[in-house]
Amino acid sequence: MISHDLRSPINVAQGRAALLAEQGTSSAPSTSESLRLTAIQHSRSRQR
């Protein structure tokens, strides 16, 4: 089980990654940006 001290910042990072994935940026995301967002989302889903 992950302690509350670690879970809160991870939830914030996950929320920001989700917003970026939904809203995107002013230009199309690069491959590395897409891979990073996917990695963040995958890591978060493994913690549940």
N, C-alpha and C. Protein backbone atom coordinates (compact mmCIF):
# COMPACT_ATOMS: atom_id res chain seq x y z
N MET A 1 0.84 -1.18 0.00
CA MET A 1 0.00 0.00 0.00
C MET A 1 0.89 1.24 0.00
N ILE A 2 0.53 2.21 -0.80
CA ILE A 2 1.30 3.45 -0.89
C ILE A 2 0.80 4.41 0.17
N SER A 3 1.75 5.05 0.85
CA SER A 3 1.35 5.99 1.90
C SER A 3 0.73 7.24 1.29
N HIS A 4 -0.02 7.93 2.11
CA HIS A 4 -0.70 9.16 1.69
C HIS A 4 0.31 10.21 1.22
N ASP A 5 1.49 10.25 1.86
CA ASP A 5 2.50 11.25 1.51
C ASP A 5 2.96 11.11 0.06
N LEU A 6 2.98 9.92 -0.47
CA LEU A 6 3.38 9.70 -1.86
C LEU A 6 2.20 9.79 -2.81
N ARG A 7 1.05 9.40 -2.35
CA ARG A 7 -0.12 9.33 -3.23
C ARG A 7 -0.58 10.71 -3.71
N SER A 8 -0.56 11.71 -2.84
CA SER A 8 -1.04 13.05 -3.23
C SER A 8 -0.25 13.65 -4.39
N PRO A 9 1.09 13.71 -4.33
CA PRO A 9 1.82 14.26 -5.47
C PRO A 9 1.66 13.42 -6.74
N ILE A 10 1.53 12.13 -6.58
CA ILE A 10 1.33 11.27 -7.74
C ILE A 10 -0.02 11.55 -8.37
N ASN A 11 -1.04 11.77 -7.55
CA ASN A 11 -2.37 12.11 -8.08
C ASN A 11 -2.34 13.43 -8.84
N VAL A 12 -1.58 14.39 -8.34
CA VAL A 12 -1.46 15.68 -9.03
C VAL A 12 -0.79 15.48 -10.39
N ALA A 13 0.29 14.72 -10.42
CA ALA A 13 0.98 14.45 -11.69
C ALA A 13 0.06 13.74 -12.67
N GLN A 14 -0.70 12.78 -12.17
CA GLN A 14 -1.63 12.05 -13.03
C GLN A 14 -2.71 12.98 -13.58
N GLY A 15 -3.22 13.86 -12.74
CA GLY A 15 -4.24 14.80 -13.20
C GLY A 15 -3.72 15.74 -14.27
N ARG A 16 -2.52 16.23 -14.08
CA ARG A 16 -1.93 17.12 -15.09
C ARG A 16 -1.64 16.38 -16.38
N ALA A 17 -1.19 15.15 -16.28
CA ALA A 17 -0.94 14.35 -17.48
C ALA A 17 -2.24 14.10 -18.24
N ALA A 18 -3.31 13.84 -17.49
CA ALA A 18 -4.61 13.61 -18.13
C ALA A 18 -5.09 14.87 -18.85
N LEU A 19 -4.90 16.03 -18.22
CA LEU A 19 -5.29 17.29 -18.86
C LEU A 19 -4.49 17.53 -20.14
N LEU A 20 -3.20 17.29 -20.08
CA LEU A 20 -2.37 17.46 -21.27
C LEU A 20 -2.80 16.52 -22.38
N ALA A 21 -3.11 15.29 -22.00
CA ALA A 21 -3.53 14.31 -23.01
C ALA A 21 -4.84 14.73 -23.66
N GLU A 22 -5.75 15.29 -22.87
CA GLU A 22 -7.06 15.71 -23.40
C GLU A 22 -6.97 17.01 -24.19
N GLN A 23 -6.29 17.99 -23.62
CA GLN A 23 -6.26 19.32 -24.23
C GLN A 23 -5.17 19.45 -25.27
N GLY A 24 -4.09 18.73 -25.08
CA GLY A 24 -2.97 18.86 -25.99
C GLY A 24 -2.25 20.18 -25.79
N THR A 25 -1.38 20.48 -26.70
CA THR A 25 -0.63 21.73 -26.67
C THR A 25 -0.98 22.51 -27.93
N SER A 26 -0.33 23.62 -28.10
CA SER A 26 -0.61 24.43 -29.29
C SER A 26 -0.19 23.72 -30.57
N SER A 27 0.73 22.78 -30.45
CA SER A 27 1.14 21.99 -31.60
C SER A 27 0.94 20.51 -31.27
N ALA A 28 1.04 19.68 -32.25
CA ALA A 28 0.88 18.24 -32.02
C ALA A 28 1.99 17.76 -31.10
N PRO A 29 1.66 16.90 -30.14
CA PRO A 29 2.70 16.41 -29.22
C PRO A 29 3.72 15.57 -29.96
N SER A 30 4.96 15.69 -29.53
CA SER A 30 6.01 14.88 -30.13
C SER A 30 5.85 13.44 -29.65
N THR A 31 6.57 12.56 -30.29
CA THR A 31 6.52 11.15 -29.91
C THR A 31 6.99 10.98 -28.48
N SER A 32 8.05 11.69 -28.08
CA SER A 32 8.56 11.54 -26.72
C SER A 32 7.55 12.07 -25.69
N GLU A 33 6.85 13.15 -26.01
CA GLU A 33 5.82 13.65 -25.09
C GLU A 33 4.69 12.65 -24.95
N SER A 34 4.27 12.08 -26.05
CA SER A 34 3.20 11.08 -26.01
C SER A 34 3.63 9.87 -25.19
N LEU A 35 4.87 9.44 -25.36
CA LEU A 35 5.37 8.29 -24.60
C LEU A 35 5.43 8.61 -23.11
N ARG A 36 5.83 9.81 -22.77
CA ARG A 36 5.90 10.20 -21.35
C ARG A 36 4.52 10.25 -20.72
N LEU A 37 3.56 10.82 -21.43
CA LEU A 37 2.19 10.86 -20.91
C LEU A 37 1.64 9.45 -20.72
N THR A 38 1.89 8.59 -21.68
CA THR A 38 1.43 7.21 -21.58
C THR A 38 2.08 6.51 -20.40
N ALA A 39 3.37 6.74 -20.19
CA ALA A 39 4.08 6.12 -19.07
C ALA A 39 3.53 6.59 -17.73
N ILE A 40 3.23 7.88 -17.62
CA ILE A 40 2.65 8.41 -16.37
C ILE A 40 1.30 7.76 -16.11
N GLN A 41 0.47 7.71 -17.13
CA GLN A 41 -0.87 7.14 -16.97
C GLN A 41 -0.79 5.65 -16.64
N HIS A 42 0.12 4.94 -17.27
CA HIS A 42 0.27 3.50 -17.01
C HIS A 42 0.77 3.27 -15.58
N SER A 43 1.75 4.05 -15.16
CA SER A 43 2.29 3.90 -13.80
C SER A 43 1.22 4.15 -12.76
N ARG A 44 0.41 5.16 -12.99
CA ARG A 44 -0.66 5.47 -12.04
C ARG A 44 -1.69 4.35 -11.97
N SER A 45 -2.04 3.79 -13.12
CA SER A 45 -3.04 2.73 -13.11
C SER A 45 -2.54 1.48 -12.39
N ARG A 46 -1.24 1.26 -12.40
CA ARG A 46 -0.67 0.10 -11.70
C ARG A 46 -0.73 0.26 -10.19
N GLN A 47 -0.83 1.48 -9.69
CA GLN A 47 -0.83 1.73 -8.25
C GLN A 47 -2.19 1.53 -7.61
N ARG A 48 -3.21 1.39 -8.39
CA ARG A 48 -4.56 1.26 -7.82
C ARG A 48 -4.82 -0.12 -7.34
